[in-house]
Amino acid sequence: MPPTTRPIPETKPSESRLRAWATVDLGALRHNLRRVRERCPATGIIAVVKADAYGHGLAECAGALRDADAGIRGFAVATMEEARRLREVEGELPIQCLAGFGNGEELEDCARYGLEPVLHEPGQLRLLRNFFLPDGGRLSLWLKHNSGMNRLGLDADAILAAARELAKRKDLKLRLMSHLAWADELDDAGSAAFTRRQLLAFDRLRRKLGAVLGAPPECSMSSSAGILCLADAHYDIVRPGIMLYGSSSVAGRSAQELGLLPVMTLRARLLAVREVKAGEAVGYGASWRFPRDTRMGVVSIGYADGYPRSAANGTPVLVASGGGFVRCRLAGRVSMDMVTVDLGELDDVVPGGEVILWGDGLDADEVAARAGTIAYELFTRVTARVEKRYR
């Protein structure tokens, strides 16, 4: 197991006291946004920062994306609570609220805070009928088409009916959006056919809606997978999410192959180093027995920190050794506060040494696959016990 050539970064004094922490590289975030711009040179970009910017920190990531030279049109969040919180730190750019409004108070907040709600169910239309902005005010509204995802959204006839009603109002600006359900495996014939049906349905509605409104509406369809794989689905505005944070949304292609950089690196320390004999077990349930005499490391992170309990024996970690990092593997079940790793032939590691659980040098997608999940879940499950450090 040769060490990587990447040197161990200098540890700041304040970091030396941390048991588990996440470094968030805002330069990498801006780099990933530039990759979006390269793929979509002529489209608007709405940066998705829901779920605390996928666990990376809402205020910090929004600021870095807003000030990046790639240029964004606005942000998207999932809930009204997230939208209000983002507006506190982002005073100007539009904020798209993907779940829309659920009552009259939330609709009023959309107007008050300059939010762009998504209309996806008939009850919202009924609320709009009793809501009018003051003279000169205007609310941007996204009509969401259920083109095949079958979560939120109206069918084509319902959208056209809503548009005929709402287009009469000067206080509303209407846009059209949908969401691709299976665009991450386009080498699969089923995925390709399903996605093509979605795009055909969306294009038909787009043309009909343009006739109702008197001009084609601004349209948005693609999130990360569509941005990377479907140039004809970029339309006017794209909505990158997971690719901004350095994870691949395309089956069979790594983030590195797609030119993306990891933004979050989850780190911890060795609490102890033990000599173990062949046949000895470690951890709850004795699920792992060492096949040979070796050294074992106990690492200061566990599922209470957000490291997945489902991570299987053999899940990779990187252990600082010899001026670089060496790939080692999990041995035994993940505990609440600790994991144990097989250190193999490493003989220069001691308690206090740094361990990388995912991020710089270790693709989060690989770790997620060994845990039976996806990188989205890894990022968003990191708990408040893990301090974030921004670079």
Protein backbone atom coordinates (compact mmCIF):
# COMPACT_ATOMS: atom_id res chain seq x y z
CA MET A 1 0.00 0.00 0.00
CA PRO A 2 2.21 2.88 -1.18
CA PRO A 3 1.49 6.32 0.29
CA THR A 4 0.01 8.98 -1.91
CA THR A 5 2.35 11.64 -3.22
CA ARG A 6 0.14 14.39 -1.80
CA PRO A 7 1.89 15.82 1.27
CA ILE A 8 0.18 16.13 4.62
CA PRO A 9 -1.05 19.74 4.91
CA GLU A 10 0.27 21.81 7.76
CA THR A 11 -2.08 21.56 10.72
CA LYS A 12 -3.21 24.81 12.28
CA PRO A 13 -2.86 24.93 16.08
CA SER A 14 -6.62 25.23 16.50
CA GLU A 15 -7.18 22.11 14.40
CA SER A 16 -4.75 20.06 16.44
CA ARG A 17 -7.27 20.02 19.30
CA LEU A 18 -10.20 18.77 17.19
CA ARG A 19 -11.29 15.12 17.37
CA ALA A 20 -13.38 15.27 14.18
CA TRP A 21 -13.77 18.16 11.76
CA ALA A 22 -14.67 18.96 8.18
CA THR A 23 -12.67 21.31 6.00
CA VAL A 24 -14.76 23.02 3.34
CA ASP A 25 -12.76 24.25 0.35
CA LEU A 26 -14.62 27.24 -1.09
CA GLY A 27 -12.09 27.48 -3.91
CA ALA A 28 -13.09 23.97 -4.98
CA LEU A 29 -16.74 25.04 -4.84
CA ARG A 30 -16.04 27.91 -7.21
CA HIS A 31 -14.03 25.58 -9.45
CA ASN A 32 -17.02 23.24 -9.72
CA LEU A 33 -19.28 26.17 -10.58
CA ARG A 34 -16.89 27.02 -13.43
CA ARG A 35 -17.33 23.46 -14.72
CA VAL A 36 -21.08 24.14 -14.84
CA ARG A 37 -20.47 27.35 -16.77
CA GLU A 38 -18.23 25.53 -19.24
CA ARG A 39 -21.02 23.01 -19.90
CA CYS A 40 -23.70 25.71 -20.09
CA PRO A 41 -22.05 28.84 -21.48
CA ALA A 42 -25.28 30.60 -22.47
CA THR A 43 -27.72 29.58 -19.74
CA GLY A 44 -28.64 31.06 -16.42
CA ILE A 45 -27.49 29.15 -13.34
CA ILE A 46 -29.54 28.68 -10.19
CA ALA A 47 -27.19 27.23 -7.57
CA VAL A 48 -28.95 24.72 -5.32
CA VAL A 49 -28.04 25.32 -1.68
CA LYS A 50 -30.83 23.41 0.06
CA ALA A 51 -30.15 21.33 3.18
CA ASP A 52 -27.53 23.80 4.45
CA ALA A 53 -25.77 23.71 1.07
CA TYR A 54 -25.79 19.90 1.14
CA GLY A 55 -24.27 19.99 4.61
CA HIS A 56 -21.44 22.34 3.63
CA GLY A 57 -22.75 25.54 5.26
CA LEU A 58 -25.41 27.76 3.72
CA ALA A 59 -24.05 31.25 4.37
CA GLU A 60 -20.45 30.43 3.48
CA CYS A 61 -21.27 28.53 0.30
CA ALA A 62 -23.85 31.05 -0.89
CA GLY A 63 -21.33 33.84 -0.46
CA ALA A 64 -18.65 31.97 -2.38
CA LEU A 65 -21.03 31.10 -5.22
CA ARG A 66 -22.45 34.62 -5.42
CA ASP A 67 -19.00 36.15 -5.75
CA ALA A 68 -17.61 33.58 -8.21
CA ASP A 69 -16.61 34.79 -11.65
CA ALA A 70 -18.79 32.14 -13.36
CA GLY A 71 -21.91 34.16 -12.54
CA ILE A 72 -25.16 32.81 -11.13
CA ARG A 73 -28.73 34.01 -11.58
CA GLY A 74 -29.84 33.00 -8.08
CA PHE A 75 -30.23 30.21 -5.56
CA ALA A 76 -32.64 27.35 -4.93
CA VAL A 77 -33.69 25.91 -1.58
CA ALA A 78 -36.21 23.28 -0.58
CA THR A 79 -38.33 24.99 2.06
CA MET A 80 -39.63 28.39 3.08
CA GLU A 81 -37.61 28.21 6.29
CA GLU A 82 -34.43 27.74 4.26
CA ALA A 83 -35.45 30.60 1.98
CA ARG A 84 -35.95 32.99 4.90
CA ARG A 85 -32.62 31.99 6.39
CA LEU A 86 -30.82 32.48 3.08
CA ARG A 87 -32.42 35.89 2.56
CA GLU A 88 -30.86 37.02 5.85
CA VAL A 89 -27.39 36.57 4.33
CA GLU A 90 -28.19 37.07 0.63
CA GLY A 91 -29.85 40.40 0.10
CA GLU A 92 -30.25 40.66 -3.65
CA LEU A 93 -30.21 37.53 -5.80
CA PRO A 94 -33.49 35.67 -6.44
CA ILE A 95 -34.23 32.62 -4.32
CA GLN A 96 -36.28 29.79 -5.81
CA CYS A 97 -38.31 27.84 -3.24
CA LEU A 98 -38.76 24.33 -4.63
CA ALA A 99 -41.61 23.33 -2.32
CA GLY A 100 -43.43 26.58 -2.95
CA PHE A 101 -45.87 28.07 -0.44
CA GLY A 102 -48.35 26.13 1.64
CA ASN A 103 -50.51 28.90 3.09
CA GLY A 104 -51.28 32.58 2.77
CA GLU A 105 -48.57 33.64 5.21
CA GLU A 106 -45.90 31.85 3.20
CA LEU A 107 -47.24 33.40 0.00
CA GLU A 108 -46.93 36.84 1.56
CA ASP A 109 -43.35 36.00 2.57
CA CYS A 110 -42.57 35.15 -1.05
CA ALA A 111 -43.51 38.68 -2.02
CA ARG A 112 -41.86 40.26 1.03
CA TYR A 113 -38.50 38.52 0.59
CA GLY A 114 -38.36 38.41 -3.20
CA LEU A 115 -38.68 34.63 -3.40
CA GLU A 116 -39.63 32.65 -6.49
CA PRO A 117 -42.05 29.92 -5.38
CA VAL A 118 -42.84 26.76 -7.32
CA LEU A 119 -46.52 26.11 -8.01
CA HIS A 120 -47.08 22.36 -8.07
CA GLU A 121 -50.57 21.63 -6.73
CA PRO A 122 -54.09 23.08 -7.12
CA GLY A 123 -54.35 24.40 -3.56
CA GLN A 124 -51.62 26.90 -4.30
CA LEU A 125 -53.61 28.24 -7.22
CA ARG A 126 -56.59 28.81 -4.95
CA LEU A 127 -54.40 30.83 -2.57
CA LEU A 128 -53.13 32.96 -5.44
CA ARG A 129 -56.67 33.93 -6.42
CA ASN A 130 -57.00 35.90 -3.19
CA PHE A 131 -53.53 37.43 -3.27
CA PHE A 132 -52.45 40.54 -5.17
CA LEU A 133 -49.26 42.54 -5.01
CA PRO A 134 -49.34 46.34 -4.69
CA ASP A 135 -49.12 48.39 -7.88
CA GLY A 136 -45.75 47.85 -9.49
CA GLY A 137 -44.99 44.70 -7.52
CA ARG A 138 -44.34 41.43 -9.30
CA LEU A 139 -43.95 37.85 -8.13
CA SER A 140 -42.00 35.35 -10.22
CA LEU A 141 -43.77 32.02 -10.20
CA TRP A 142 -42.51 28.67 -11.46
CA LEU A 143 -45.14 26.32 -12.89
CA LYS A 144 -43.89 22.80 -12.24
CA HIS A 145 -44.72 20.16 -14.83
CA ASN A 146 -44.93 16.54 -13.72
CA SER A 147 -43.20 15.16 -16.80
CA GLY A 148 -42.60 11.72 -15.29
CA MET A 149 -41.01 12.06 -11.86
CA ASN A 150 -44.45 11.71 -10.20
CA ARG A 151 -43.56 13.58 -7.04
CA LEU A 152 -44.55 17.25 -7.18
CA GLY A 153 -46.03 18.87 -10.25
CA LEU A 154 -49.13 19.43 -12.36
CA ASP A 155 -49.98 17.64 -15.58
CA ALA A 156 -49.85 19.56 -18.84
CA ASP A 157 -53.56 20.34 -19.00
CA ALA A 158 -53.58 21.71 -15.46
CA ILE A 159 -50.57 23.92 -16.18
CA LEU A 160 -52.18 25.32 -19.32
CA ALA A 161 -55.40 26.02 -17.44
CA ALA A 162 -53.47 27.75 -14.64
CA ALA A 163 -51.48 29.77 -17.17
CA ARG A 164 -54.66 30.99 -18.93
CA GLU A 165 -55.90 32.28 -15.61
CA LEU A 166 -52.67 33.70 -14.22
CA ALA A 167 -51.41 35.26 -17.46
CA LYS A 168 -54.13 37.92 -17.13
CA ARG A 169 -52.41 39.30 -14.06
CA LYS A 170 -49.67 41.90 -14.32
CA ASP A 171 -48.34 41.15 -10.84
CA LEU A 172 -47.14 37.66 -11.82
CA LYS A 173 -44.32 36.48 -14.07
CA LEU A 174 -44.66 32.84 -15.14
CA ARG A 175 -41.85 30.41 -15.82
CA LEU A 176 -41.88 26.66 -16.49
CA MET A 177 -39.84 23.91 -14.89
CA SER A 178 -39.66 20.15 -14.46
CA HIS A 179 -37.22 17.61 -13.08
CA LEU A 180 -35.43 14.68 -14.70
CA ALA A 181 -36.05 11.40 -12.91
CA TRP A 182 -33.53 9.01 -14.47
CA ALA A 183 -30.85 10.96 -16.31
CA ASP A 184 -27.89 9.52 -14.42
CA GLU A 185 -27.72 6.21 -16.34
CA LEU A 186 -28.23 7.19 -19.96
CA ASP A 187 -26.11 4.27 -21.17
CA ASP A 188 -29.03 2.14 -19.99
CA ALA A 189 -31.69 1.81 -22.69
CA GLY A 190 -34.49 2.19 -20.15
CA SER A 191 -33.01 5.39 -18.73
CA ALA A 192 -32.48 6.88 -22.20
CA ALA A 193 -36.03 6.09 -23.32
CA PHE A 194 -37.59 7.35 -20.08
CA THR A 195 -35.63 10.60 -20.24
CA ARG A 196 -36.49 11.14 -23.90
CA ARG A 197 -40.19 10.79 -23.08
CA GLN A 198 -39.82 13.38 -20.34
CA LEU A 199 -38.13 15.84 -22.70
CA LEU A 200 -40.71 15.33 -25.45
CA ALA A 201 -43.55 15.93 -23.00
CA PHE A 202 -41.83 19.04 -21.63
CA ASP A 203 -41.16 20.41 -25.12
CA ARG A 204 -44.79 19.93 -26.15
CA LEU A 205 -45.97 21.79 -23.07
CA ARG A 206 -43.38 24.52 -23.60
CA ARG A 207 -44.72 25.22 -27.10
CA LYS A 208 -48.34 25.24 -25.95
CA LEU A 209 -47.54 27.45 -22.99
CA GLY A 210 -45.74 29.89 -25.27
CA ALA A 211 -48.94 30.21 -27.32
CA VAL A 212 -50.97 30.93 -24.17
CA LEU A 213 -48.51 33.51 -22.86
CA GLY A 214 -47.75 35.10 -26.21
CA ALA A 215 -44.05 34.25 -25.95
CA PRO A 216 -42.00 31.22 -24.87
CA PRO A 217 -41.54 31.20 -21.07
CA GLU A 218 -38.17 30.82 -19.43
CA CYS A 219 -37.67 27.10 -18.81
CA SER A 220 -35.60 24.94 -16.50
CA MET A 221 -35.23 21.16 -16.56
CA SER A 222 -31.69 20.08 -15.74
CA SER A 223 -30.00 19.53 -12.43
CA SER A 224 -26.49 18.04 -12.23
CA ALA A 225 -27.09 14.88 -14.30
CA GLY A 226 -28.80 16.80 -17.08
CA ILE A 227 -26.07 19.43 -17.09
CA LEU A 228 -23.41 16.77 -17.55
CA CYS A 229 -25.20 14.46 -19.96
CA LEU A 230 -27.95 16.26 -21.88
CA ALA A 231 -27.01 19.45 -23.67
CA ASP A 232 -30.46 19.62 -25.28
CA ALA A 233 -32.07 19.74 -21.82
CA HIS A 234 -30.28 22.87 -20.60
CA TYR A 235 -32.98 25.27 -21.85
CA ASP A 236 -32.76 28.75 -20.32
CA ILE A 237 -31.74 27.96 -16.75
CA VAL A 238 -29.97 25.00 -15.11
CA ARG A 239 -30.02 24.02 -11.44
CA PRO A 240 -26.72 22.40 -10.38
CA GLY A 241 -26.72 20.73 -7.00
CA ILE A 242 -24.47 17.82 -6.04
CA MET A 243 -21.86 18.54 -8.73
CA LEU A 244 -21.14 21.89 -7.07
CA TYR A 245 -20.00 19.99 -4.00
CA GLY A 246 -17.68 17.69 -5.93
CA SER A 247 -19.70 14.48 -6.27
CA SER A 248 -20.62 12.67 -9.47
CA SER A 249 -24.26 12.39 -10.48
CA VAL A 250 -23.44 10.16 -13.45
CA ALA A 251 -23.33 6.37 -13.08
CA GLY A 252 -19.97 4.88 -13.97
CA ARG A 253 -18.06 8.18 -14.00
CA SER A 254 -16.14 9.52 -11.05
CA ALA A 255 -16.06 13.12 -9.94
CA GLN A 256 -12.41 13.29 -10.98
CA GLU A 257 -13.29 12.12 -14.49
CA LEU A 258 -15.88 14.89 -14.68
CA GLY A 259 -13.35 17.52 -13.63
CA LEU A 260 -14.90 18.13 -10.22
CA LEU A 261 -13.03 18.76 -6.98
CA PRO A 262 -14.10 17.61 -3.51
CA VAL A 263 -15.37 20.48 -1.38
CA MET A 264 -15.80 18.73 1.97
CA THR A 265 -13.04 16.67 3.55
CA LEU A 266 -14.09 14.85 6.71
CA ARG A 267 -11.19 14.33 9.11
CA ALA A 268 -10.56 12.72 12.47
CA ARG A 269 -7.62 11.46 14.55
CA LEU A 270 -6.18 8.21 15.75
CA LEU A 271 -7.13 7.71 19.39
CA ALA A 272 -5.07 4.58 19.83
CA VAL A 273 -2.86 2.13 17.94
CA ARG A 274 -2.96 -1.53 19.02
CA GLU A 275 -1.13 -4.71 18.10
CA VAL A 276 -3.60 -7.50 17.28
CA LYS A 277 -3.09 -11.19 16.61
CA ALA A 278 -4.46 -13.24 13.74
CA GLY A 279 -7.97 -14.45 14.54
CA GLU A 280 -8.76 -11.70 17.04
CA ALA A 281 -12.09 -9.91 16.62
CA VAL A 282 -12.86 -6.22 16.95
CA GLY A 283 -16.02 -4.26 17.62
CA TYR A 284 -19.65 -5.08 18.31
CA GLY A 285 -20.84 -8.45 17.09
CA ALA A 286 -17.26 -9.57 16.36
CA SER A 287 -18.08 -8.97 12.70
CA TRP A 288 -14.41 -8.78 11.72
CA ARG A 289 -11.50 -11.04 12.61
CA PHE A 290 -8.00 -10.10 11.58
CA PRO A 291 -6.54 -12.62 9.11
CA ARG A 292 -2.95 -11.96 10.26
CA ASP A 293 -0.92 -10.31 12.97
CA THR A 294 -1.19 -6.59 12.32
CA ARG A 295 -1.72 -3.15 13.80
CA MET A 296 -5.13 -1.64 14.36
CA GLY A 297 -6.06 2.03 14.69
CA VAL A 298 -9.00 3.45 16.64
CA VAL A 299 -10.29 6.62 14.97
CA SER A 300 -12.16 9.43 16.73
CA ILE A 301 -15.34 9.48 14.66
CA GLY A 302 -18.55 7.48 14.57
CA TYR A 303 -22.18 7.51 13.58
CA ALA A 304 -22.96 10.26 16.12
CA ASP A 305 -20.73 12.47 13.97
CA GLY A 306 -22.47 11.43 10.76
CA TYR A 307 -20.12 8.71 9.59
CA PRO A 308 -22.46 5.98 8.27
CA ARG A 309 -23.00 3.01 10.55
CA SER A 310 -23.69 0.99 7.40
CA ALA A 311 -20.10 1.38 6.18
CA ALA A 312 -18.91 -2.15 5.52
CA ASN A 313 -15.68 -3.88 6.46
CA GLY A 314 -13.11 -2.78 3.90
CA THR A 315 -14.46 0.76 3.42
CA PRO A 316 -11.41 2.90 2.60
CA VAL A 317 -9.90 5.62 4.78
CA LEU A 318 -6.65 7.55 4.41
CA VAL A 319 -4.17 7.50 7.30
CA ALA A 320 -1.33 10.01 7.57
CA SER A 321 1.99 8.20 7.29
CA GLY A 322 5.47 8.93 5.99
CA GLY A 323 4.72 12.47 4.85
CA GLY A 324 1.67 11.41 2.86
CA PHE A 325 -1.54 9.47 3.22
CA VAL A 326 -1.88 5.71 2.97
CA ARG A 327 -5.08 3.94 2.03
CA CYS A 328 -6.29 1.66 4.82
CA ARG A 329 -9.60 -0.05 5.43
CA LEU A 330 -12.34 -0.23 8.02
CA ALA A 331 -12.29 -3.32 10.23
CA GLY A 332 -15.32 -3.98 12.42
CA ARG A 333 -18.61 -2.20 12.92
CA VAL A 334 -18.88 1.56 13.14
CA SER A 335 -19.58 2.65 16.74
CA MET A 336 -21.21 5.83 18.00
CA ASP A 337 -17.92 7.63 18.59
CA MET A 338 -15.23 5.45 17.00
CA VAL A 339 -14.27 3.37 14.01
CA THR A 340 -11.45 0.85 13.82
CA VAL A 341 -9.12 0.41 10.86
CA ASP A 342 -6.58 -2.17 9.76
CA LEU A 343 -3.26 -0.33 9.57
CA GLY A 344 -1.52 -3.17 7.78
CA GLU A 345 2.22 -2.73 7.70
CA LEU A 346 2.26 0.93 8.76
CA ASP A 347 4.74 1.28 11.60
CA ASP A 348 5.08 5.07 11.86
CA VAL A 349 1.59 6.03 12.99
CA VAL A 350 0.82 7.12 16.54
CA PRO A 351 -2.19 8.47 18.43
CA GLY A 352 -3.04 11.97 17.24
CA GLY A 353 -2.32 11.21 13.60
CA GLU A 354 -4.80 12.49 11.03
CA VAL A 355 -7.29 10.28 9.20
CA ILE A 356 -9.39 11.29 6.17
CA LEU A 357 -12.79 9.62 5.97
CA TRP A 358 -13.70 11.16 2.60
CA GLY A 359 -12.76 14.16 0.51
CA ASP A 360 -9.25 15.17 -0.51
CA GLY A 361 -7.74 12.03 -2.04
CA LEU A 362 -10.72 9.79 -1.25
CA ASP A 363 -13.86 10.12 -3.36
CA ALA A 364 -17.00 10.40 -1.21
CA ASP A 365 -18.87 8.43 -3.88
CA GLU A 366 -16.61 5.42 -3.24
CA VAL A 367 -17.20 5.61 0.50
CA ALA A 368 -20.94 6.00 -0.05
CA ALA A 369 -21.06 2.92 -2.27
CA ARG A 370 -19.42 0.83 0.46
CA ALA A 371 -22.06 2.12 2.88
CA GLY A 372 -24.96 1.34 0.55
CA THR A 373 -25.89 4.99 0.08
CA ILE A 374 -24.97 8.09 -1.95
CA ALA A 375 -22.69 11.03 -1.29
CA TYR A 376 -25.70 13.34 -0.88
CA GLU A 377 -26.55 11.46 2.32
CA LEU A 378 -22.98 11.43 3.60
CA PHE A 379 -22.69 15.20 3.27
CA THR A 380 -26.06 16.10 4.76
CA ARG A 381 -25.75 13.72 7.72
CA VAL A 382 -22.57 15.23 9.17
CA THR A 383 -23.70 16.38 12.60
CA ALA A 384 -23.13 19.54 14.61
CA ARG A 385 -20.51 17.69 16.66
CA VAL A 386 -18.19 18.02 13.65
CA GLU A 387 -16.81 21.53 13.41
CA LYS A 388 -16.51 23.04 9.94
CA ARG A 389 -13.40 24.92 8.89
CA TYR A 390 -13.51 27.04 5.71
CA ARG A 391 -10.62 27.55 3.35
